[in-house]
């Protein structure tokens, strides 16, 4: 089995889509005070 991110081009798979995952920005913790609003 493979747990991966779509899309895949090949049509030869059985596919079970998981719930979509949102994108986030990731910064070093030392930079946390630059964005106090959390966004």
ModelCIF file with pLDDT and N, C-alpha, C, O atoms, coordinates in Angstrom:
data_MODEL
#
_entry.id   MODEL 
#
_entity.id                         1 
_entity.type                       polymer 
_entity.pdbx_number_of_molecules   1 
#
_entity_poly.entity_id                      1 
_entity_poly.type                           'polypeptide(L)' 
_entity_poly.nstd_linkage                   no 
_entity_poly.nstd_monomer                   no 
_entity_poly.pdbx_seq_one_letter_code       
;(UNK)(UNK)(UNK)(UNK)(UNK)(UNK)(UNK)(UNK)(UNK)(UNK)(UNK)(UNK)(UNK)(UNK)(UNK)(UNK)
(UNK)(UNK)(UNK)(UNK)(UNK)(UNK)(UNK)(UNK)(UNK)(UNK)(UNK)(UNK)(UNK)(UNK)(UNK)(UNK)
(UNK)(UNK)(UNK)(UNK)(UNK)(UNK)(UNK)
;
_entity_poly.pdbx_seq_one_letter_code_can   XXXXXXXXXXXXXXXXXXXXXXXXXXXXXXXXXXXXXXX 
_entity_poly.pdbx_strand_id                 A 
#
loop_
_entity_poly_seq.entity_id 
_entity_poly_seq.num 
_entity_poly_seq.mon_id 
_entity_poly_seq.hetero 
1 1  UNK n 
1 2  UNK n 
1 3  UNK n 
1 4  UNK n 
1 5  UNK n 
1 6  UNK n 
1 7  UNK n 
1 8  UNK n 
1 9  UNK n 
1 10 UNK n 
1 11 UNK n 
1 12 UNK n 
1 13 UNK n 
1 14 UNK n 
1 15 UNK n 
1 16 UNK n 
1 17 UNK n 
1 18 UNK n 
1 19 UNK n 
1 20 UNK n 
1 21 UNK n 
1 22 UNK n 
1 23 UNK n 
1 24 UNK n 
1 25 UNK n 
1 26 UNK n 
1 27 UNK n 
1 28 UNK n 
1 29 UNK n 
1 30 UNK n 
1 31 UNK n 
1 32 UNK n 
1 33 UNK n 
1 34 UNK n 
1 35 UNK n 
1 36 UNK n 
1 37 UNK n 
1 38 UNK n 
1 39 UNK n 
#
_struct_asym.id          A 
_struct_asym.entity_id   1 
#
loop_
_ma_qa_metric.id 
_ma_qa_metric.mode 
_ma_qa_metric.name 
_ma_qa_metric.software_group_id 
_ma_qa_metric.type 
1 global pLDDT . pLDDT 
2 local  pLDDT . pLDDT 
#
_ma_qa_metric_global.metric_id      1 
_ma_qa_metric_global.metric_value   86.21 
_ma_qa_metric_global.model_id       1 
_ma_qa_metric_global.ordinal_id     1 
#
loop_
_ma_qa_metric_local.label_asym_id 
_ma_qa_metric_local.label_comp_id 
_ma_qa_metric_local.label_seq_id 
_ma_qa_metric_local.metric_id 
_ma_qa_metric_local.metric_value 
_ma_qa_metric_local.model_id 
_ma_qa_metric_local.ordinal_id 
A UNK 1  2 93.00 1 1  
A UNK 2  2 92.00 1 2  
A UNK 3  2 90.00 1 3  
A UNK 4  2 86.00 1 4  
A UNK 5  2 83.00 1 5  
A UNK 6  2 83.00 1 6  
A UNK 7  2 80.00 1 7  
A UNK 8  2 82.00 1 8  
A UNK 9  2 70.00 1 9  
A UNK 10 2 69.00 1 10 
A UNK 11 2 80.00 1 11 
A UNK 12 2 83.00 1 12 
A UNK 13 2 88.00 1 13 
A UNK 14 2 87.00 1 14 
A UNK 15 2 83.00 1 15 
A UNK 16 2 79.00 1 16 
A UNK 17 2 80.00 1 17 
A UNK 18 2 78.00 1 18 
A UNK 19 2 78.00 1 19 
A UNK 20 2 81.00 1 20 
A UNK 21 2 83.00 1 21 
A UNK 22 2 87.00 1 22 
A UNK 23 2 90.00 1 23 
A UNK 24 2 92.00 1 24 
A UNK 25 2 94.00 1 25 
A UNK 26 2 93.00 1 26 
A UNK 27 2 94.00 1 27 
A UNK 28 2 92.00 1 28 
A UNK 29 2 88.00 1 29 
A UNK 30 2 90.00 1 30 
A UNK 31 2 91.00 1 31 
A UNK 32 2 83.00 1 32 
A UNK 33 2 89.00 1 33 
A UNK 34 2 92.00 1 34 
A UNK 35 2 92.00 1 35 
A UNK 36 2 91.00 1 36 
A UNK 37 2 92.00 1 37 
A UNK 38 2 91.00 1 38 
A UNK 39 2 93.00 1 39 
#
loop_
_atom_site.group_PDB 
_atom_site.id 
_atom_site.type_symbol 
_atom_site.label_atom_id 
_atom_site.label_alt_id 
_atom_site.label_comp_id 
_atom_site.label_asym_id 
_atom_site.label_entity_id 
_atom_site.label_seq_id 
_atom_site.pdbx_PDB_ins_code 
_atom_site.Cartn_x 
_atom_site.Cartn_y 
_atom_site.Cartn_z 
_atom_site.occupancy 
_atom_site.B_iso_or_equiv 
_atom_site.pdbx_formal_charge 
_atom_site.auth_seq_id 
_atom_site.auth_comp_id 
_atom_site.auth_asym_id 
_atom_site.auth_atom_id 
_atom_site.pdbx_PDB_model_num 
ATOM 1   N N  . UNK A 1 1  ? 0.845   -1.186 0.000   1.00 93.00 ? 1  UNK A N  1 
ATOM 2   C CA . UNK A 1 1  ? 0.000   0.000  0.000   1.00 93.00 ? 1  UNK A CA 1 
ATOM 3   C C  . UNK A 1 1  ? 0.880   1.236  0.000   1.00 93.00 ? 1  UNK A C  1 
ATOM 4   O O  . UNK A 1 1  ? 2.019   1.193  0.465   1.00 93.00 ? 1  UNK A O  1 
ATOM 5   N N  . UNK A 1 2  ? 0.362   2.323  -0.514  1.00 92.00 ? 2  UNK A N  1 
ATOM 6   C CA . UNK A 1 2  ? 1.082   3.594  -0.445  1.00 92.00 ? 2  UNK A CA 1 
ATOM 7   C C  . UNK A 1 2  ? 0.136   4.669  0.081   1.00 92.00 ? 2  UNK A C  1 
ATOM 8   O O  . UNK A 1 2  ? -0.998  4.801  -0.381  1.00 92.00 ? 2  UNK A O  1 
ATOM 9   N N  . UNK A 1 3  ? 0.620   5.424  1.044   1.00 90.00 ? 3  UNK A N  1 
ATOM 10  C CA . UNK A 1 3  ? -0.110  6.581  1.556   1.00 90.00 ? 3  UNK A CA 1 
ATOM 11  C C  . UNK A 1 3  ? 0.587   7.801  0.993   1.00 90.00 ? 3  UNK A C  1 
ATOM 12  O O  . UNK A 1 3  ? 1.711   8.117  1.381   1.00 90.00 ? 3  UNK A O  1 
ATOM 13  N N  . UNK A 1 4  ? -0.080  8.487  0.077   1.00 86.00 ? 4  UNK A N  1 
ATOM 14  C CA . UNK A 1 4  ? 0.590   9.542  -0.676  1.00 86.00 ? 4  UNK A CA 1 
ATOM 15  C C  . UNK A 1 4  ? -0.354  10.701 -0.932  1.00 86.00 ? 4  UNK A C  1 
ATOM 16  O O  . UNK A 1 4  ? -1.529  10.662 -0.568  1.00 86.00 ? 4  UNK A O  1 
ATOM 17  N N  . UNK A 1 5  ? 0.178   11.725 -1.559  1.00 83.00 ? 5  UNK A N  1 
ATOM 18  C CA . UNK A 1 5  ? -0.614  12.899 -1.926  1.00 83.00 ? 5  UNK A CA 1 
ATOM 19  C C  . UNK A 1 5  ? -1.008  12.815 -3.392  1.00 83.00 ? 5  UNK A C  1 
ATOM 20  O O  . UNK A 1 5  ? -0.161  12.622 -4.264  1.00 83.00 ? 5  UNK A O  1 
ATOM 21  N N  . UNK A 1 6  ? -2.289  12.960 -3.653  1.00 83.00 ? 6  UNK A N  1 
ATOM 22  C CA . UNK A 1 6  ? -2.756  13.001 -5.036  1.00 83.00 ? 6  UNK A CA 1 
ATOM 23  C C  . UNK A 1 6  ? -2.349  14.333 -5.675  1.00 83.00 ? 6  UNK A C  1 
ATOM 24  O O  . UNK A 1 6  ? -2.120  15.303 -4.952  1.00 83.00 ? 6  UNK A O  1 
ATOM 25  N N  . UNK A 1 7  ? -2.252  14.408 -7.015  1.00 80.00 ? 7  UNK A N  1 
ATOM 26  C CA . UNK A 1 7  ? -2.741  13.394 -7.937  1.00 80.00 ? 7  UNK A CA 1 
ATOM 27  C C  . UNK A 1 7  ? -1.704  12.335 -8.269  1.00 80.00 ? 7  UNK A C  1 
ATOM 28  O O  . UNK A 1 7  ? -0.500  12.544 -8.118  1.00 80.00 ? 7  UNK A O  1 
ATOM 29  N N  . UNK A 1 8  ? -2.208  11.184 -8.729  1.00 82.00 ? 8  UNK A N  1 
ATOM 30  C CA . UNK A 1 8  ? -1.373  10.180 -9.378  1.00 82.00 ? 8  UNK A CA 1 
ATOM 31  C C  . UNK A 1 8  ? -1.924  10.006 -10.781 1.00 82.00 ? 8  UNK A C  1 
ATOM 32  O O  . UNK A 1 8  ? -3.137  10.023 -10.988 1.00 82.00 ? 8  UNK A O  1 
ATOM 33  N N  . UNK A 1 9  ? -1.040  9.840  -11.729 1.00 70.00 ? 9  UNK A N  1 
ATOM 34  C CA . UNK A 1 9  ? -1.457  9.768  -13.125 1.00 70.00 ? 9  UNK A CA 1 
ATOM 35  C C  . UNK A 1 9  ? -1.972  8.386  -13.520 1.00 70.00 ? 9  UNK A C  1 
ATOM 36  O O  . UNK A 1 9  ? -2.831  8.255  -14.391 1.00 70.00 ? 9  UNK A O  1 
ATOM 37  N N  . UNK A 1 10 ? -1.439  7.372  -12.871 1.00 69.00 ? 10 UNK A N  1 
ATOM 38  C CA . UNK A 1 10 ? -1.736  6.009  -13.276 1.00 69.00 ? 10 UNK A CA 1 
ATOM 39  C C  . UNK A 1 10 ? -3.176  5.646  -12.907 1.00 69.00 ? 10 UNK A C  1 
ATOM 40  O O  . UNK A 1 10 ? -3.637  5.961  -11.811 1.00 69.00 ? 10 UNK A O  1 
ATOM 41  N N  . UNK A 1 11 ? -3.883  4.983  -13.825 1.00 80.00 ? 11 UNK A N  1 
ATOM 42  C CA . UNK A 1 11 ? -5.268  4.575  -13.594 1.00 80.00 ? 11 UNK A CA 1 
ATOM 43  C C  . UNK A 1 11 ? -5.361  3.132  -13.101 1.00 80.00 ? 11 UNK A C  1 
ATOM 44  O O  . UNK A 1 11 ? -6.456  2.573  -13.038 1.00 80.00 ? 11 UNK A O  1 
ATOM 45  N N  . UNK A 1 12 ? -4.245  2.531  -12.756 1.00 83.00 ? 12 UNK A N  1 
ATOM 46  C CA . UNK A 1 12 ? -4.243  1.116  -12.383 1.00 83.00 ? 12 UNK A CA 1 
ATOM 47  C C  . UNK A 1 12 ? -4.342  0.894  -10.884 1.00 83.00 ? 12 UNK A C  1 
ATOM 48  O O  . UNK A 1 12 ? -4.069  -0.211 -10.416 1.00 83.00 ? 12 UNK A O  1 
ATOM 49  N N  . UNK A 1 13 ? -4.730  1.921  -10.105 1.00 88.00 ? 13 UNK A N  1 
ATOM 50  C CA . UNK A 1 13 ? -4.812  1.793  -8.656  1.00 88.00 ? 13 UNK A CA 1 
ATOM 51  C C  . UNK A 1 13 ? -6.255  1.757  -8.164  1.00 88.00 ? 13 UNK A C  1 
ATOM 52  O O  . UNK A 1 13 ? -7.144  2.370  -8.755  1.00 88.00 ? 13 UNK A O  1 
ATOM 53  N N  . UNK A 1 14 ? -6.468  1.034  -7.081  1.00 87.00 ? 14 UNK A N  1 
ATOM 54  C CA . UNK A 1 14 ? -7.619  1.275  -6.234  1.00 87.00 ? 14 UNK A CA 1 
ATOM 55  C C  . UNK A 1 14 ? -7.226  2.445  -5.328  1.00 87.00 ? 14 UNK A C  1 
ATOM 56  O O  . UNK A 1 14 ? -6.128  2.464  -4.773  1.00 87.00 ? 14 UNK A O  1 
ATOM 57  N N  . UNK A 1 15 ? -8.112  3.401  -5.184  1.00 83.00 ? 15 UNK A N  1 
ATOM 58  C CA . UNK A 1 15 ? -7.787  4.616  -4.424  1.00 83.00 ? 15 UNK A CA 1 
ATOM 59  C C  . UNK A 1 15 ? -8.872  4.912  -3.400  1.00 83.00 ? 15 UNK A C  1 
ATOM 60  O O  . UNK A 1 15 ? -10.059 4.930  -3.724  1.00 83.00 ? 15 UNK A O  1 
ATOM 61  N N  . UNK A 1 16 ? -8.457  5.140  -2.180  1.00 79.00 ? 16 UNK A N  1 
ATOM 62  C CA . UNK A 1 16 ? -9.367  5.617  -1.148  1.00 79.00 ? 16 UNK A CA 1 
ATOM 63  C C  . UNK A 1 16 ? -8.881  6.999  -0.728  1.00 79.00 ? 16 UNK A C  1 
ATOM 64  O O  . UNK A 1 16 ? -7.817  7.143  -0.126  1.00 79.00 ? 16 UNK A O  1 
ATOM 65  N N  . UNK A 1 17 ? -9.667  7.997  -1.051  1.00 80.00 ? 17 UNK A N  1 
ATOM 66  C CA . UNK A 1 17 ? -9.274  9.362  -0.707  1.00 80.00 ? 17 UNK A CA 1 
ATOM 67  C C  . UNK A 1 17 ? -9.539  9.624  0.772   1.00 80.00 ? 17 UNK A C  1 
ATOM 68  O O  . UNK A 1 17 ? -10.608 9.303  1.290   1.00 80.00 ? 17 UNK A O  1 
ATOM 69  N N  . UNK A 1 18 ? -8.560  10.206 1.436   1.00 78.00 ? 18 UNK A N  1 
ATOM 70  C CA . UNK A 1 18 ? -8.720  10.601 2.819   1.00 78.00 ? 18 UNK A CA 1 
ATOM 71  C C  . UNK A 1 18 ? -9.260  12.029 2.867   1.00 78.00 ? 18 UNK A C  1 
ATOM 72  O O  . UNK A 1 18 ? -9.380  12.692 1.837   1.00 78.00 ? 18 UNK A O  1 
ATOM 73  N N  . UNK A 1 19 ? -9.575  12.482 4.044   1.00 78.00 ? 19 UNK A N  1 
ATOM 74  C CA . UNK A 1 19 ? -10.077 13.848 4.177   1.00 78.00 ? 19 UNK A CA 1 
ATOM 75  C C  . UNK A 1 19 ? -8.992  14.848 3.782   1.00 78.00 ? 19 UNK A C  1 
ATOM 76  O O  . UNK A 1 19 ? -7.829  14.689 4.153   1.00 78.00 ? 19 UNK A O  1 
ATOM 77  N N  . UNK A 1 20 ? -9.377  15.874 3.033   1.00 81.00 ? 20 UNK A N  1 
ATOM 78  C CA . UNK A 1 20 ? -8.416  16.884 2.591   1.00 81.00 ? 20 UNK A CA 1 
ATOM 79  C C  . UNK A 1 20 ? -7.714  17.564 3.754   1.00 81.00 ? 20 UNK A C  1 
ATOM 80  O O  . UNK A 1 20 ? -8.295  17.749 4.823   1.00 81.00 ? 20 UNK A O  1 
ATOM 81  N N  . UNK A 1 21 ? -6.467  17.931 3.535   1.00 83.00 ? 21 UNK A N  1 
ATOM 82  C CA . UNK A 1 21 ? -5.644  18.554 4.574   1.00 83.00 ? 21 UNK A CA 1 
ATOM 83  C C  . UNK A 1 21 ? -5.297  19.981 4.161   1.00 83.00 ? 21 UNK A C  1 
ATOM 84  O O  . UNK A 1 21 ? -4.895  20.217 3.021   1.00 83.00 ? 21 UNK A O  1 
ATOM 85  N N  . UNK A 1 22 ? -5.450  20.930 5.078   1.00 87.00 ? 22 UNK A N  1 
ATOM 86  C CA . UNK A 1 22 ? -5.169  22.330 4.768   1.00 87.00 ? 22 UNK A CA 1 
ATOM 87  C C  . UNK A 1 22 ? -3.668  22.609 4.797   1.00 87.00 ? 22 UNK A C  1 
ATOM 88  O O  . UNK A 1 22 ? -2.901  21.894 5.441   1.00 87.00 ? 22 UNK A O  1 
ATOM 89  N N  . UNK A 1 23 ? -3.267  23.659 4.088   1.00 90.00 ? 23 UNK A N  1 
ATOM 90  C CA . UNK A 1 23 ? -1.875  24.109 4.104   1.00 90.00 ? 23 UNK A CA 1 
ATOM 91  C C  . UNK A 1 23 ? -1.664  25.063 5.274   1.00 90.00 ? 23 UNK A C  1 
ATOM 92  O O  . UNK A 1 23 ? -2.565  25.817 5.642   1.00 90.00 ? 23 UNK A O  1 
ATOM 93  N N  . UNK A 1 24 ? -0.476  25.027 5.852   1.00 92.00 ? 24 UNK A N  1 
ATOM 94  C CA . UNK A 1 24 ? -0.087  25.957 6.906   1.00 92.00 ? 24 UNK A CA 1 
ATOM 95  C C  . UNK A 1 24 ? 1.321   26.458 6.622   1.00 92.00 ? 24 UNK A C  1 
ATOM 96  O O  . UNK A 1 24 ? 2.092   25.811 5.913   1.00 92.00 ? 24 UNK A O  1 
ATOM 97  N N  . UNK A 1 25 ? 1.641   27.604 7.177   1.00 94.00 ? 25 UNK A N  1 
ATOM 98  C CA . UNK A 1 25 ? 3.013   28.117 7.115   1.00 94.00 ? 25 UNK A CA 1 
ATOM 99  C C  . UNK A 1 25 ? 3.721   27.699 8.400   1.00 94.00 ? 25 UNK A C  1 
ATOM 100 O O  . UNK A 1 25 ? 3.141   27.764 9.484   1.00 94.00 ? 25 UNK A O  1 
ATOM 101 N N  . UNK A 1 26 ? 4.974   27.272 8.277   1.00 93.00 ? 26 UNK A N  1 
ATOM 102 C CA . UNK A 1 26 ? 5.739   26.803 9.431   1.00 93.00 ? 26 UNK A CA 1 
ATOM 103 C C  . UNK A 1 26 ? 6.997   27.654 9.573   1.00 93.00 ? 26 UNK A C  1 
ATOM 104 O O  . UNK A 1 26 ? 7.784   27.779 8.635   1.00 93.00 ? 26 UNK A O  1 
ATOM 105 N N  . UNK A 1 27 ? 7.175   28.236 10.758  1.00 94.00 ? 27 UNK A N  1 
ATOM 106 C CA . UNK A 1 27 ? 8.305   29.108 11.067  1.00 94.00 ? 27 UNK A CA 1 
ATOM 107 C C  . UNK A 1 27 ? 9.068   28.527 12.253  1.00 94.00 ? 27 UNK A C  1 
ATOM 108 O O  . UNK A 1 27 ? 8.511   27.735 13.013  1.00 94.00 ? 27 UNK A O  1 
ATOM 109 N N  . UNK A 1 28 ? 10.335  28.908 12.423  1.00 92.00 ? 28 UNK A N  1 
ATOM 110 C CA . UNK A 1 28 ? 11.036  28.529 13.651  1.00 92.00 ? 28 UNK A CA 1 
ATOM 111 C C  . UNK A 1 28 ? 10.326  29.133 14.863  1.00 92.00 ? 28 UNK A C  1 
ATOM 112 O O  . UNK A 1 28 ? 9.780   30.233 14.778  1.00 92.00 ? 28 UNK A O  1 
ATOM 113 N N  . UNK A 1 29 ? 10.333  28.421 15.982  1.00 88.00 ? 29 UNK A N  1 
ATOM 114 C CA . UNK A 1 29 ? 9.598   28.916 17.156  1.00 88.00 ? 29 UNK A CA 1 
ATOM 115 C C  . UNK A 1 29 ? 10.135  30.265 17.625  1.00 88.00 ? 29 UNK A C  1 
ATOM 116 O O  . UNK A 1 29 ? 9.407   31.031 18.256  1.00 88.00 ? 29 UNK A O  1 
ATOM 117 N N  . UNK A 1 30 ? 11.421  30.570 17.321  1.00 90.00 ? 30 UNK A N  1 
ATOM 118 C CA . UNK A 1 30 ? 12.010  31.844 17.736  1.00 90.00 ? 30 UNK A CA 1 
ATOM 119 C C  . UNK A 1 30 ? 11.358  33.032 17.033  1.00 90.00 ? 30 UNK A C  1 
ATOM 120 O O  . UNK A 1 30 ? 11.490  34.170 17.484  1.00 90.00 ? 30 UNK A O  1 
ATOM 121 N N  . UNK A 1 31 ? 10.662  32.773 15.941  1.00 91.00 ? 31 UNK A N  1 
ATOM 122 C CA . UNK A 1 31 ? 10.031  33.853 15.197  1.00 91.00 ? 31 UNK A CA 1 
ATOM 123 C C  . UNK A 1 31 ? 8.541   34.013 15.550  1.00 91.00 ? 31 UNK A C  1 
ATOM 124 O O  . UNK A 1 31 ? 7.816   34.743 14.875  1.00 91.00 ? 31 UNK A O  1 
ATOM 125 N N  . UNK A 1 32 ? 8.097   33.333 16.600  1.00 83.00 ? 32 UNK A N  1 
ATOM 126 C CA . UNK A 1 32 ? 6.668   33.293 16.931  1.00 83.00 ? 32 UNK A CA 1 
ATOM 127 C C  . UNK A 1 32 ? 6.079   34.680 17.168  1.00 83.00 ? 32 UNK A C  1 
ATOM 128 O O  . UNK A 1 32 ? 4.931   34.935 16.802  1.00 83.00 ? 32 UNK A O  1 
ATOM 129 N N  . UNK A 1 33 ? 6.865   35.591 17.788  1.00 89.00 ? 33 UNK A N  1 
ATOM 130 C CA . UNK A 1 33 ? 6.318   36.908 18.139  1.00 89.00 ? 33 UNK A CA 1 
ATOM 131 C C  . UNK A 1 33 ? 6.125   37.805 16.915  1.00 89.00 ? 33 UNK A C  1 
ATOM 132 O O  . UNK A 1 33 ? 5.551   38.886 17.040  1.00 89.00 ? 33 UNK A O  1 
ATOM 133 N N  . UNK A 1 34 ? 6.583   37.389 15.755  1.00 92.00 ? 34 UNK A N  1 
ATOM 134 C CA . UNK A 1 34 ? 6.402   38.200 14.549  1.00 92.00 ? 34 UNK A CA 1 
ATOM 135 C C  . UNK A 1 34 ? 4.954   38.172 14.053  1.00 92.00 ? 34 UNK A C  1 
ATOM 136 O O  . UNK A 1 34 ? 4.515   39.073 13.339  1.00 92.00 ? 34 UNK A O  1 
ATOM 137 N N  . UNK A 1 35 ? 4.227   37.136 14.436  1.00 92.00 ? 35 UNK A N  1 
ATOM 138 C CA . UNK A 1 35 ? 2.852   36.989 13.959  1.00 92.00 ? 35 UNK A CA 1 
ATOM 139 C C  . UNK A 1 35 ? 1.963   36.579 15.133  1.00 92.00 ? 35 UNK A C  1 
ATOM 140 O O  . UNK A 1 35 ? 1.517   35.434 15.206  1.00 92.00 ? 35 UNK A O  1 
ATOM 141 N N  . UNK A 1 36 ? 1.704   37.514 16.052  1.00 91.00 ? 36 UNK A N  1 
ATOM 142 C CA . UNK A 1 36 ? 0.933   37.182 17.262  1.00 91.00 ? 36 UNK A CA 1 
ATOM 143 C C  . UNK A 1 36 ? -0.503  36.754 16.984  1.00 91.00 ? 36 UNK A C  1 
ATOM 144 O O  . UNK A 1 36 ? -1.131  36.114 17.829  1.00 91.00 ? 36 UNK A O  1 
ATOM 145 N N  . UNK A 1 37 ? -1.033  37.098 15.807  1.00 92.00 ? 37 UNK A N  1 
ATOM 146 C CA . UNK A 1 37 ? -2.420  36.741 15.489  1.00 92.00 ? 37 UNK A CA 1 
ATOM 147 C C  . UNK A 1 37 ? -2.581  35.263 15.152  1.00 92.00 ? 37 UNK A C  1 
ATOM 148 O O  . UNK A 1 37 ? -3.699  34.748 15.118  1.00 92.00 ? 37 UNK A O  1 
ATOM 149 N N  . UNK A 1 38 ? -1.463  34.583 14.905  1.00 91.00 ? 38 UNK A N  1 
ATOM 150 C CA . UNK A 1 38 ? -1.540  33.170 14.546  1.00 91.00 ? 38 UNK A CA 1 
ATOM 151 C C  . UNK A 1 38 ? -1.799  32.916 13.080  1.00 91.00 ? 38 UNK A C  1 
ATOM 152 O O  . UNK A 1 38 ? -2.043  31.775 12.686  1.00 91.00 ? 38 UNK A O  1 
ATOM 153 N N  . UNK A 1 39 ? -1.750  33.960 12.260  1.00 93.00 ? 39 UNK A N  1 
ATOM 154 C CA . UNK A 1 39 ? -1.930  33.772 10.829  1.00 93.00 ? 39 UNK A CA 1 
ATOM 155 C C  . UNK A 1 39 ? -0.926  34.629 10.070  1.00 93.00 ? 39 UNK A C  1 
ATOM 156 O O  . UNK A 1 39 ? -0.910  34.616 8.839   1.00 93.00 ? 39 UNK A O  1 
#
